[in-house]
PDB file of N, CA and C in Angstrom:
ATOM      1  N   MET A   1       7.356   2.543  62.854  1.00  0.00           N
ATOM      2  CA  MET A   1       8.331   2.113  61.877  1.00  0.00           C
ATOM      3  C   MET A   1       9.734   2.461  62.365  1.00  0.00           C
ATOM      4  N   ASN A   2      10.628   1.571  62.142  1.00  0.00           N
ATOM      5  CA  ASN A   2      11.996   1.863  62.540  1.00  0.00           C
ATOM      6  C   ASN A   2      12.787   2.375  61.333  1.00  0.00           C
ATOM      7  N   ASP A   3      14.005   2.812  61.584  1.00  0.00           N
ATOM      8  CA  ASP A   3      14.830   3.396  60.528  1.00  0.00           C
ATOM      9  C   ASP A   3      15.127   2.392  59.416  1.00  0.00           C
ATOM     10  N   ARG A   4      15.251   1.150  59.811  1.00  0.00           N
ATOM     11  CA  ARG A   4      15.547   0.097  58.838  1.00  0.00           C
ATOM     12  C   ARG A   4      14.383  -0.079  57.856  1.00  0.00           C
ATOM     13  N   THR A   5      13.175  -0.064  58.333  1.00  0.00           N
ATOM     14  CA  THR A   5      11.982  -0.212  57.496  1.00  0.00           C
ATOM     15  C   THR A   5      11.854   0.971  56.549  1.00  0.00           C
ATOM     16  N   VAL A   6      12.080   2.161  57.033  1.00  0.00           N
ATOM     17  CA  VAL A   6      11.991   3.368  56.200  1.00  0.00           C
ATOM     18  C   VAL A   6      13.053   3.309  55.111  1.00  0.00           C
ATOM     19  N   SER A   7      14.265   2.910  55.460  1.00  0.00           N
ATOM     20  CA  SER A   7      15.357   2.813  54.491  1.00  0.00           C
ATOM     21  C   SER A   7      15.066   1.754  53.444  1.00  0.00           C
ATOM     22  N   ALA A   8      14.560   0.616  53.851  1.00  0.00           N
ATOM     23  CA  ALA A   8      14.235  -0.454  52.900  1.00  0.00           C
ATOM     24  C   ALA A   8      13.114  -0.003  51.961  1.00  0.00           C
ATOM     25  N   ARG A   9      12.122   0.671  52.522  1.00  0.00           N
ATOM     26  CA  ARG A   9      11.016   1.173  51.702  1.00  0.00           C
ATOM     27  C   ARG A   9      11.530   2.205  50.683  1.00  0.00           C
ATOM     28  N   LEU A  10      12.422   3.101  51.120  1.00  0.00           N
ATOM     29  CA  LEU A  10      12.993   4.103  50.238  1.00  0.00           C
ATOM     30  C   LEU A  10      13.823   3.441  49.138  1.00  0.00           C
ATOM     31  N   ASP A  11      14.590   2.422  49.495  1.00  0.00           N
ATOM     32  CA  ASP A  11      15.375   1.679  48.501  1.00  0.00           C
ATOM     33  C   ASP A  11      14.461   1.045  47.450  1.00  0.00           C
ATOM     34  N   LEU A  12      13.369   0.466  47.899  1.00  0.00           N
ATOM     35  CA  LEU A  12      12.403  -0.148  46.968  1.00  0.00           C
ATOM     36  C   LEU A  12      11.782   0.894  46.045  1.00  0.00           C
ATOM     37  N   LEU A  13      11.475   2.060  46.586  1.00  0.00           N
ATOM     38  CA  LEU A  13      10.897   3.118  45.747  1.00  0.00           C
ATOM     39  C   LEU A  13      11.898   3.612  44.707  1.00  0.00           C
ATOM     40  N   HIS A  14      13.165   3.725  45.088  1.00  0.00           N
ATOM     41  CA  HIS A  14      14.202   4.110  44.121  1.00  0.00           C
ATOM     42  C   HIS A  14      14.355   3.035  43.048  1.00  0.00           C
ATOM     43  N   PHE A  15      14.304   1.781  43.461  1.00  0.00           N
ATOM     44  CA  PHE A  15      14.377   0.679  42.499  1.00  0.00           C
ATOM     45  C   PHE A  15      13.195   0.750  41.534  1.00  0.00           C
ATOM     46  N   LEU A  16      11.995   0.967  42.060  1.00  0.00           N
ATOM     47  CA  LEU A  16      10.807   1.081  41.228  1.00  0.00           C
ATOM     48  C   LEU A  16      10.938   2.229  40.232  1.00  0.00           C
ATOM     49  N   ALA A  17      11.474   3.338  40.659  1.00  0.00           N
ATOM     50  CA  ALA A  17      11.659   4.489  39.773  1.00  0.00           C
ATOM     51  C   ALA A  17      12.615   4.142  38.630  1.00  0.00           C
ATOM     52  N   ARG A  18      13.710   3.419  38.947  1.00  0.00           N
ATOM     53  CA  ARG A  18      14.655   3.003  37.898  1.00  0.00           C
ATOM     54  C   ARG A  18      13.982   2.077  36.886  1.00  0.00           C
ATOM     55  N   VAL A  19      13.199   1.129  37.381  1.00  0.00           N
ATOM     56  CA  VAL A  19      12.490   0.189  36.500  1.00  0.00           C
ATOM     57  C   VAL A  19      11.506   0.953  35.612  1.00  0.00           C
ATOM     58  N   GLN A  20      10.775   1.880  36.193  1.00  0.00           N
ATOM     59  CA  GLN A  20       9.798   2.633  35.422  1.00  0.00           C
ATOM     60  C   GLN A  20      10.466   3.540  34.386  1.00  0.00           C
ATOM     61  N   ARG A  21      11.614   4.145  34.729  1.00  0.00           N
ATOM     62  CA  ARG A  21      12.358   4.947  33.749  1.00  0.00           C
ATOM     63  C   ARG A  21      12.801   4.076  32.586  1.00  0.00           C
ATOM     64  N   ALA A  22      13.310   2.886  32.905  1.00  0.00           N
ATOM     65  CA  ALA A  22      13.743   1.966  31.846  1.00  0.00           C
ATOM     66  C   ALA A  22      12.561   1.561  30.976  1.00  0.00           C
ATOM     67  N   ASP A  23      11.413   1.283  31.597  1.00  0.00           N
ATOM     68  CA  ASP A  23      10.205   0.942  30.825  1.00  0.00           C
ATOM     69  C   ASP A  23       9.790   2.096  29.924  1.00  0.00           C
ATOM     70  N   LEU A  24       9.821   3.307  30.451  1.00  0.00           N
ATOM     71  CA  LEU A  24       9.434   4.483  29.671  1.00  0.00           C
ATOM     72  C   LEU A  24      10.397   4.703  28.507  1.00  0.00           C
ATOM     73  N   GLU A  25      11.693   4.566  28.753  1.00  0.00           N
ATOM     74  CA  GLU A  25      12.681   4.715  27.676  1.00  0.00           C
ATOM     75  C   GLU A  25      12.461   3.680  26.578  1.00  0.00           C
ATOM     76  N   ARG A  26      12.180   2.440  26.976  1.00  0.00           N
ATOM     77  CA  ARG A  26      11.918   1.384  25.990  1.00  0.00           C
ATOM     78  C   ARG A  26      10.660   1.712  25.189  1.00  0.00           C
ATOM     79  N   THR A  27       9.605   2.134  25.857  1.00  0.00           N
ATOM     80  CA  THR A  27       8.361   2.479  25.169  1.00  0.00           C
ATOM     81  C   THR A  27       8.574   3.644  24.209  1.00  0.00           C
ATOM     82  N   GLU A  28       9.323   4.654  24.650  1.00  0.00           N
ATOM     83  CA  GLU A  28       9.608   5.795  23.766  1.00  0.00           C
ATOM     84  C   GLU A  28      10.445   5.371  22.565  1.00  0.00           C
ATOM     85  N   ARG A  29      11.378   4.427  22.746  1.00  0.00           N
ATOM     86  CA  ARG A  29      12.166   3.899  21.632  1.00  0.00           C
ATOM     87  C   ARG A  29      11.254   3.173  20.648  1.00  0.00           C
ATOM     88  N   TRP A  30      10.325   2.379  21.158  1.00  0.00           N
ATOM     89  CA  TRP A  30       9.372   1.680  20.292  1.00  0.00           C
ATOM     90  C   TRP A  30       8.526   2.674  19.496  1.00  0.00           C
ATOM     91  N   ILE A  31       8.121   3.750  20.144  1.00  0.00           N
ATOM     92  CA  ILE A  31       7.338   4.782  19.461  1.00  0.00           C
ATOM     93  C   ILE A  31       8.163   5.409  18.338  1.00  0.00           C
ATOM     94  N   ARG A  32       9.418   5.771  18.611  1.00  0.00           N
ATOM     95  CA  ARG A  32      10.289   6.357  17.578  1.00  0.00           C
ATOM     96  C   ARG A  32      10.475   5.396  16.412  1.00  0.00           C
ATOM     97  N   GLU A  33      10.701   4.104  16.717  1.00  0.00           N
ATOM     98  CA  GLU A  33      10.891   3.110  15.662  1.00  0.00           C
ATOM     99  C   GLU A  33       9.637   2.957  14.814  1.00  0.00           C
ATOM    100  N   GLU A  34       8.476   2.943  15.453  1.00  0.00           N
ATOM    101  CA  GLU A  34       7.221   2.816  14.712  1.00  0.00           C
ATOM    102  C   GLU A  34       6.953   4.057  13.863  1.00  0.00           C
ATOM    103  N   GLU A  35       7.255   5.225  14.396  1.00  0.00           N
ATOM    104  CA  GLU A  35       7.096   6.460  13.614  1.00  0.00           C
ATOM    105  C   GLU A  35       8.014   6.449  12.401  1.00  0.00           C
ATOM    106  N   GLN A  36       9.222   5.923  12.572  1.00  0.00           N
ATOM    107  CA  GLN A  36      10.162   5.834  11.456  1.00  0.00           C
ATOM    108  C   GLN A  36       9.637   4.861  10.403  1.00  0.00           C
ATOM    109  N   ARG A  37       9.115   3.702  10.834  1.00  0.00           N
ATOM    110  CA  ARG A  37       8.553   2.733   9.882  1.00  0.00           C
ATOM    111  C   ARG A  37       7.393   3.340   9.108  1.00  0.00           C
ATOM    112  N   GLN A  38       6.528   4.054   9.809  1.00  0.00           N
ATOM    113  CA  GLN A  38       5.383   4.674   9.134  1.00  0.00           C
ATOM    114  C   GLN A  38       5.837   5.749   8.152  1.00  0.00           C
ATOM    115  N   ALA A  39       6.838   6.529   8.522  1.00  0.00           N
ATOM    116  CA  ALA A  39       7.358   7.560   7.623  1.00  0.00           C
ATOM    117  C   ALA A  39       7.975   6.921   6.380  1.00  0.00           C
ATOM    118  N   GLU A  40       8.717   5.833   6.558  1.00  0.00           N
ATOM    119  CA  GLU A  40       9.317   5.134   5.420  1.00  0.00           C
ATOM    120  C   GLU A  40       8.231   4.553   4.512  1.00  0.00           C
ATOM    121  N   ARG A  41       7.208   3.971   5.114  1.00  0.00           N
ATOM    122  CA  ARG A  41       6.091   3.415   4.345  1.00  0.00           C
ATOM    123  C   ARG A  41       5.409   4.522   3.526  1.00  0.00           C
ATOM    124  N   GLN A  42       5.199   5.683   4.149  1.00  0.00           N
ATOM    125  CA  GLN A  42       4.555   6.790   3.457  1.00  0.00           C
ATOM    126  C   GLN A  42       5.427   7.326   2.332  1.00  0.00           C
ATOM    127  N   ARG A  43       6.761   7.401   2.563  1.00  0.00           N
ATOM    128  CA  ARG A  43       7.669   7.838   1.498  1.00  0.00           C
ATOM    129  C   ARG A  43       7.594   6.885   0.313  1.00  0.00           C
ATOM    130  N   GLY A  44       7.498   5.585   0.597  1.00  0.00           N
ATOM    131  CA  GLY A  44       7.357   4.608  -0.483  1.00  0.00           C
ATOM    132  C   GLY A  44       6.067   4.801  -1.257  1.00  0.00           C
ATOM    133  N   LEU A  45       4.980   5.050  -0.557  1.00  0.00           N
ATOM    134  CA  LEU A  45       3.699   5.287  -1.228  1.00  0.00           C
ATOM    135  C   LEU A  45       3.742   6.569  -2.048  1.00  0.00           C
ATOM    136  N   ASP A  46       4.362   7.602  -1.501  1.00  0.00           N
ATOM    137  CA  ASP A  46       4.455   8.880  -2.214  1.00  0.00           C
ATOM    138  C   ASP A  46       5.328   8.778  -3.461  1.00  0.00           C
ATOM    139  N   ALA A  47       6.315   7.877  -3.435  1.00  0.00           N
ATOM    140  CA  ALA A  47       7.245   7.738  -4.561  1.00  0.00           C
ATOM    141  C   ALA A  47       6.681   6.873  -5.689  1.00  0.00           C
ATOM    142  N   ARG A  48       5.574   6.206  -5.448  1.00  0.00           N
ATOM    143  CA  ARG A  48       4.982   5.370  -6.502  1.00  0.00           C
ATOM    144  C   ARG A  48       4.550   6.224  -7.684  1.00  0.00           C
ATOM    145  N   PRO A  49       4.742   5.686  -8.886  1.00  0.00           N
ATOM    146  CA  PRO A  49       4.224   6.426 -10.042  1.00  0.00           C
ATOM    147  C   PRO A  49       2.694   6.392 -10.016  1.00  0.00           C
ATOM    148  N   PRO A  50       2.051   7.376 -10.644  1.00  0.00           N
ATOM    149  CA  PRO A  50       0.593   7.376 -10.640  1.00  0.00           C
ATOM    150  C   PRO A  50       0.048   6.154 -11.389  1.00  0.00           C
ATOM    151  N   GLU A  51      -1.089   5.696 -10.942  1.00  0.00           N
ATOM    152  CA  GLU A  51      -1.737   4.551 -11.573  1.00  0.00           C
ATOM    153  C   GLU A  51      -2.224   4.964 -12.964  1.00  0.00           C
ATOM    154  N   PRO A  52      -2.016   4.116 -13.989  1.00  0.00           N
ATOM    155  CA  PRO A  52      -2.489   4.478 -15.328  1.00  0.00           C
ATOM    156  C   PRO A  52      -4.016   4.492 -15.381  1.00  0.00           C
ATOM    157  N   ASP A  53      -4.546   5.299 -16.293  1.00  0.00           N
ATOM    158  CA  ASP A  53      -6.005   5.386 -16.446  1.00  0.00           C
ATOM    159  C   ASP A  53      -6.575   4.178 -17.180  1.00  0.00           C
ATOM    160  N   TRP A  54      -5.746   3.565 -18.031  1.00  0.00           N
ATOM    161  CA  TRP A  54      -6.205   2.439 -18.852  1.00  0.00           C
ATOM    162  C   TRP A  54      -5.139   1.363 -18.870  1.00  0.00           C
ATOM    163  N   LEU A  55      -5.569   0.115 -18.950  1.00  0.00           N
ATOM    164  CA  LEU A  55      -4.652  -1.028 -18.973  1.00  0.00           C
ATOM    165  C   LEU A  55      -5.027  -1.958 -20.119  1.00  0.00           C
ATOM    166  N   ILE A  56      -4.006  -2.561 -20.695  1.00  0.00           N
ATOM    167  CA  ILE A  56      -4.233  -3.664 -21.639  1.00  0.00           C
ATOM    168  C   ILE A  56      -3.545  -4.875 -21.037  1.00  0.00           C
ATOM    169  N   GLU A  57      -4.309  -5.932 -20.868  1.00  0.00           N
ATOM    170  CA  GLU A  57      -3.780  -7.170 -20.308  1.00  0.00           C
ATOM    171  C   GLU A  57      -3.282  -8.032 -21.459  1.00  0.00           C
ATOM    172  N   ARG A  58      -2.003  -8.340 -21.422  1.00  0.00           N
ATOM    173  CA  ARG A  58      -1.351  -9.130 -22.475  1.00  0.00           C
ATOM    174  C   ARG A  58      -1.614 -10.620 -22.283  1.00  0.00           C
ATOM    175  N   GLY A  59      -1.366 -11.377 -23.353  1.00  0.00           N
ATOM    176  CA  GLY A  59      -1.493 -12.827 -23.288  1.00  0.00           C
ATOM    177  C   GLY A  59      -0.354 -13.428 -22.486  1.00  0.00           C
ATOM    178  N   LEU A  60      -0.381 -14.756 -22.353  1.00  0.00           N
ATOM    179  CA  LEU A  60       0.577 -15.453 -21.496  1.00  0.00           C
ATOM    180  C   LEU A  60       2.032 -15.233 -21.870  1.00  0.00           C
ATOM    181  N   ASP A  61       2.369 -15.278 -23.148  1.00  0.00           N
ATOM    182  CA  ASP A  61       3.783 -15.180 -23.525  1.00  0.00           C
ATOM    183  C   ASP A  61       4.174 -13.785 -24.014  1.00  0.00           C
ATOM    184  N   GLY A  62       3.256 -12.861 -24.021  1.00  0.00           N
ATOM    185  CA  GLY A  62       3.571 -11.516 -24.460  1.00  0.00           C
ATOM    186  C   GLY A  62       3.473 -11.330 -25.964  1.00  0.00           C
ATOM    187  N   HIS A  63       3.386 -12.426 -26.703  1.00  0.00           N
ATOM    188  CA  HIS A  63       3.292 -12.338 -28.162  1.00  0.00           C
ATOM    189  C   HIS A  63       1.884 -12.629 -28.653  1.00  0.00           C
ATOM    190  N   THR A  64       1.089 -13.240 -27.826  1.00  0.00           N
ATOM    191  CA  THR A  64      -0.289 -13.536 -28.219  1.00  0.00           C
ATOM    192  C   THR A  64      -1.130 -12.273 -28.091  1.00  0.00           C
ATOM    193  N   PRO A  65      -2.290 -12.248 -28.724  1.00  0.00           N
ATOM    194  CA  PRO A  65      -3.122 -11.041 -28.668  1.00  0.00           C
ATOM    195  C   PRO A  65      -3.493 -10.664 -27.240  1.00  0.00           C
ATOM    196  N   ALA A  66      -3.830  -9.395 -27.101  1.00  0.00           N
ATOM    197  CA  ALA A  66      -4.237  -8.895 -25.792  1.00  0.00           C
ATOM    198  C   ALA A  66      -5.490  -9.628 -25.321  1.00  0.00           C
ATOM    199  N   VAL A  67      -5.609  -9.807 -24.021  1.00  0.00           N
ATOM    200  CA  VAL A  67      -6.715 -10.550 -23.434  1.00  0.00           C
ATOM    201  C   VAL A  67      -7.889  -9.628 -23.123  1.00  0.00           C
ATOM    202  N   TYR A  68      -7.609  -8.490 -22.468  1.00  0.00           N
ATOM    203  CA  TYR A  68      -8.654  -7.551 -22.065  1.00  0.00           C
ATOM    204  C   TYR A  68      -8.125  -6.125 -22.061  1.00  0.00           C
ATOM    205  N   VAL A  69      -9.058  -5.202 -22.170  1.00  0.00           N
ATOM    206  CA  VAL A  69      -8.796  -3.794 -21.880  1.00  0.00           C
ATOM    207  C   VAL A  69      -9.485  -3.522 -20.544  1.00  0.00           C
ATOM    208  N   HIS A  70      -8.771  -2.831 -19.640  1.00  0.00           N
ATOM    209  CA  HIS A  70      -9.294  -2.538 -18.304  1.00  0.00           C
ATOM    210  C   HIS A  70      -9.235  -1.039 -18.032  1.00  0.00           C
ATOM    211  N   VAL A  71     -10.095  -0.580 -17.150  1.00  0.00           N
ATOM    212  CA  VAL A  71      -9.956   0.756 -16.572  1.00  0.00           C
ATOM    213  C   VAL A  71      -8.831   0.648 -15.545  1.00  0.00           C
ATOM    214  N   GLY A  72      -7.989   1.658 -15.454  1.00  0.00           N
ATOM    215  CA  GLY A  72      -6.893   1.640 -14.473  1.00  0.00           C
ATOM    216  C   GLY A  72      -7.423   1.380 -13.075  1.00  0.00           C
ATOM    217  N   GLY A  73      -6.734   0.518 -12.346  1.00  0.00           N
ATOM    218  CA  GLY A  73      -7.149   0.189 -10.984  1.00  0.00           C
ATOM    219  C   GLY A  73      -8.128  -0.965 -10.905  1.00  0.00           C
ATOM    220  N   CYS A  74      -8.504  -1.546 -12.039  1.00  0.00           N
ATOM    221  CA  CYS A  74      -9.427  -2.687 -12.010  1.00  0.00           C
ATOM    222  C   CYS A  74      -8.779  -3.832 -11.239  1.00  0.00           C
ATOM    223  N   LEU A  75      -9.499  -4.362 -10.283  1.00  0.00           N
ATOM    224  CA  LEU A  75      -8.958  -5.454  -9.462  1.00  0.00           C
ATOM    225  C   LEU A  75      -8.849  -6.759 -10.232  1.00  0.00           C
ATOM    226  N   MET A  76      -9.498  -6.847 -11.367  1.00  0.00           N
ATOM    227  CA  MET A  76      -9.444  -8.071 -12.166  1.00  0.00           C
ATOM    228  C   MET A  76      -8.293  -8.060 -13.170  1.00  0.00           C
ATOM    229  N   ALA A  77      -7.603  -6.935 -13.310  1.00  0.00           N
ATOM    230  CA  ALA A  77      -6.472  -6.847 -14.239  1.00  0.00           C
ATOM    231  C   ALA A  77      -5.358  -7.764 -13.752  1.00  0.00           C
ATOM    232  N   GLY A  78      -4.831  -8.558 -14.665  1.00  0.00           N
ATOM    233  CA  GLY A  78      -3.764  -9.488 -14.314  1.00  0.00           C
ATOM    234  C   GLY A  78      -2.407  -8.823 -14.233  1.00  0.00           C
ATOM    235  N   LYS A  79      -1.414  -9.593 -13.823  1.00  0.00           N
ATOM    236  CA  LYS A  79      -0.055  -9.077 -13.673  1.00  0.00           C
ATOM    237  C   LYS A  79       0.581  -8.716 -15.008  1.00  0.00           C
ATOM    238  N   ARG A  80       0.036  -9.221 -16.086  1.00  0.00           N
ATOM    239  CA  ARG A  80       0.596  -8.939 -17.406  1.00  0.00           C
ATOM    240  C   ARG A  80      -0.020  -7.686 -18.022  1.00  0.00           C
ATOM    241  N   SER A  81      -0.668  -6.866 -17.217  1.00  0.00           N
ATOM    242  CA  SER A  81      -1.300  -5.645 -17.707  1.00  0.00           C
ATOM    243  C   SER A  81      -0.284  -4.511 -17.776  1.00  0.00           C
ATOM    244  N   VAL A  82      -0.423  -3.709 -18.830  1.00  0.00           N
ATOM    245  CA  VAL A  82       0.449  -2.547 -19.005  1.00  0.00           C
ATOM    246  C   VAL A  82      -0.417  -1.304 -19.177  1.00  0.00           C
ATOM    247  N   GLY A  83       0.064  -0.193 -18.655  1.00  0.00           N
ATOM    248  CA  GLY A  83      -0.652   1.068 -18.788  1.00  0.00           C
ATOM    249  C   GLY A  83      -0.571   1.592 -20.208  1.00  0.00           C
ATOM    250  N   VAL A  84      -1.678   2.113 -20.694  1.00  0.00           N
ATOM    251  CA  VAL A  84      -1.730   2.691 -22.043  1.00  0.00           C
ATOM    252  C   VAL A  84      -2.503   4.001 -21.995  1.00  0.00           C
ATOM    253  N   ALA A  85      -2.353   4.770 -23.059  1.00  0.00           N
ATOM    254  CA  ALA A  85      -3.082   6.033 -23.179  1.00  0.00           C
ATOM    255  C   ALA A  85      -4.527   5.742 -23.564  1.00  0.00           C
ATOM    256  N   ARG A  86      -5.374   6.739 -23.366  1.00  0.00           N
ATOM    257  CA  ARG A  86      -6.802   6.622 -23.669  1.00  0.00           C
ATOM    258  C   ARG A  86      -7.032   6.191 -25.123  1.00  0.00           C
ATOM    259  N   ASP A  87      -6.322   6.828 -26.057  1.00  0.00           N
ATOM    260  CA  ASP A  87      -6.528   6.484 -27.471  1.00  0.00           C
ATOM    261  C   ASP A  87      -6.080   5.063 -27.789  1.00  0.00           C
ATOM    262  N   GLN A  88      -5.052   4.563 -27.102  1.00  0.00           N
ATOM    263  CA  GLN A  88      -4.618   3.180 -27.314  1.00  0.00           C
ATOM    264  C   GLN A  88      -5.669   2.199 -26.787  1.00  0.00           C
ATOM    265  N   ALA A  89      -6.243   2.498 -25.644  1.00  0.00           N
ATOM    266  CA  ALA A  89      -7.287   1.634 -25.088  1.00  0.00           C
ATOM    267  C   ALA A  89      -8.498   1.622 -26.011  1.00  0.00           C
ATOM    268  N   ARG A  90      -8.867   2.797 -26.474  1.00  0.00           N
ATOM    269  CA  ARG A  90     -10.016   2.914 -27.392  1.00  0.00           C
ATOM    270  C   ARG A  90      -9.755   2.139 -28.689  1.00  0.00           C
ATOM    271  N   SER A  91      -8.558   2.294 -29.258  1.00  0.00           N
ATOM    272  CA  SER A  91      -8.194   1.578 -30.494  1.00  0.00           C
ATOM    273  C   SER A  91      -8.232   0.071 -30.284  1.00  0.00           C
ATOM    274  N   ALA A  92      -7.723  -0.380 -29.143  1.00  0.00           N
ATOM    275  CA  ALA A  92      -7.717  -1.821 -28.871  1.00  0.00           C
ATOM    276  C   ALA A  92      -9.142  -2.363 -28.826  1.00  0.00           C
ATOM    277  N   LEU A  93     -10.041  -1.635 -28.204  1.00  0.00           N
ATOM    278  CA  LEU A  93     -11.443  -2.070 -28.144  1.00  0.00           C
ATOM    279  C   LEU A  93     -12.068  -2.092 -29.541  1.00  0.00           C
ATOM    280  N   VAL A  94     -11.786  -1.052 -30.334  1.00  0.00           N
ATOM    281  CA  VAL A  94     -12.329  -0.992 -31.699  1.00  0.00           C
ATOM    282  C   VAL A  94     -11.778  -2.135 -32.540  1.00  0.00           C
ATOM    283  N   GLU A  95     -10.528  -2.523 -32.288  1.00  0.00           N
ATOM    284  CA  GLU A  95      -9.891  -3.605 -33.051  1.00  0.00           C
ATOM    285  C   GLU A  95     -10.304  -4.991 -32.553  1.00  0.00           C
ATOM    286  N   GLY A  96     -11.139  -5.062 -31.529  1.00  0.00           N
ATOM    287  CA  GLY A  96     -11.672  -6.349 -31.106  1.00  0.00           C
ATOM    288  C   GLY A  96     -11.142  -6.933 -29.813  1.00  0.00           C
ATOM    289  N   VAL A  97     -10.261  -6.221 -29.133  1.00  0.00           N
ATOM    290  CA  VAL A  97      -9.812  -6.717 -27.836  1.00  0.00           C
ATOM    291  C   VAL A  97     -11.001  -6.607 -26.889  1.00  0.00           C
ATOM    292  N   PRO A  98     -11.348  -7.683 -26.185  1.00  0.00           N
ATOM    293  CA  PRO A  98     -12.525  -7.637 -25.316  1.00  0.00           C
ATOM    294  C   PRO A  98     -12.373  -6.643 -24.155  1.00  0.00           C
ATOM    295  N   ALA A  99     -13.478  -6.046 -23.804  1.00  0.00           N
ATOM    296  CA  ALA A  99     -13.523  -5.167 -22.637  1.00  0.00           C
ATOM    297  C   ALA A  99     -13.709  -6.033 -21.395  1.00  0.00           C
ATOM    298  N   CYS A 100     -13.036  -5.678 -20.338  1.00  0.00           N
ATOM    299  CA  CYS A 100     -13.203  -6.393 -19.075  1.00  0.00           C
ATOM    300  C   CYS A 100     -14.673  -6.294 -18.654  1.00  0.00           C
ATOM    301  N   PRO A 101     -15.304  -7.424 -18.366  1.00  0.00           N
ATOM    302  CA  PRO A 101     -16.721  -7.380 -17.983  1.00  0.00           C
ATOM    303  C   PRO A 101     -16.947  -6.792 -16.581  1.00  0.00           C
ATOM    304  N   HIS A 102     -15.884  -6.589 -15.821  1.00  0.00           N
ATOM    305  CA  HIS A 102     -16.037  -6.064 -14.458  1.00  0.00           C
ATOM    306  C   HIS A 102     -15.940  -4.543 -14.415  1.00  0.00           C
ATOM    307  N   CYS A 103     -14.923  -3.976 -15.085  1.00  0.00           N
ATOM    308  CA  CYS A 103     -14.724  -2.527 -15.006  1.00  0.00           C
ATOM    309  C   CYS A 103     -15.323  -1.776 -16.195  1.00  0.00           C
ATOM    310  N   ARG A 104     -15.691  -2.485 -17.243  1.00  0.00           N
ATOM    311  CA  ARG A 104     -16.383  -1.937 -18.418  1.00  0.00           C
ATOM    312  C   ARG A 104     -15.707  -0.701 -19.024  1.00  0.00           C
ATOM    313  N   PRO A 105     -14.477  -0.848 -19.533  1.00  0.00           N
ATOM    314  CA  PRO A 105     -13.796   0.302 -20.133  1.00  0.00           C
ATOM    315  C   PRO A 105     -14.500   0.806 -21.387  1.00  0.00           C
ATOM    316  N   ASP A 106     -15.251  -0.068 -22.065  1.00  0.00           N
ATOM    317  CA  ASP A 106     -15.969   0.367 -23.259  1.00  0.00           C
ATOM    318  C   ASP A 106     -17.013   1.424 -22.912  1.00  0.00           C
ATOM    319  N   THR A 107     -17.652   1.262 -21.784  1.00  0.00           N
ATOM    320  CA  THR A 107     -18.627   2.255 -21.329  1.00  0.00           C
ATOM    321  C   THR A 107     -17.907   3.544 -20.916  1.00  0.00           C
ATOM    322  N   GLU A 108     -16.813   3.395 -20.171  1.00  0.00           N
ATOM    323  CA  GLU A 108     -16.039   4.559 -19.716  1.00  0.00           C
ATOM    324  C   GLU A 108     -15.495   5.364 -20.890  1.00  0.00           C
ATOM    325  N   LEU A 109     -15.158   4.674 -21.977  1.00  0.00           N
ATOM    326  CA  LEU A 109     -14.583   5.353 -23.145  1.00  0.00           C
ATOM    327  C   LEU A 109     -15.668   5.854 -24.097  1.00  0.00           C
ATOM    328  N   GLY A 110     -16.909   5.611 -23.779  1.00  0.00           N
ATOM    329  CA  GLY A 110     -18.000   6.108 -24.616  1.00  0.00           C
ATOM    330  C   GLY A 110     -18.280   5.255 -25.832  1.00  0.00           C
ATOM    331  N   LEU A 111     -17.774   4.022 -25.862  1.00  0.00           N
ATOM    332  CA  LEU A 111     -18.038   3.150 -27.006  1.00  0.00           C
ATOM    333  C   LEU A 111     -19.371   2.434 -26.866  1.00  0.00           C
ATOM    334  N   LEU A 112     -19.854   2.302 -25.654  1.00  0.00           N
ATOM    335  CA  LEU A 112     -21.164   1.714 -25.380  1.00  0.00           C
ATOM    336  C   LEU A 112     -21.913   2.658 -24.467  1.00  0.00           C
ATOM    337  N   GLU A 113     -23.153   2.742 -24.623  1.00  0.00           N
ATOM    338  CA  GLU A 113     -23.956   3.602 -23.740  1.00  0.00           C
ATOM    339  C   GLU A 113     -24.757   2.757 -22.792  1.00  0.00           C
TER     340      GLU A 113
END
């Protein structure tokens, strides 16, 4: 090998090192950004109010009678559902508001065995 070949090879290795440093810096930046997104997502989840234990699903216009009583977290509860206390859910069932056939709040509240 002559001096020119050694110098060219050394130049290429220095170039490769610069490229790899830039790649590593970019990857580390992506990691920091993703960690920040995950931390923000977790802060949002932590800031959510607790899920209610009982829900009453209202009618379409809010003035019509309630549609269903649900156990909190029921996937069948509609967007018009509002959280209520245990005694309110129980009273609604006693007054004739239907129990959701999926989550069965009447059973959970001890109204049916």
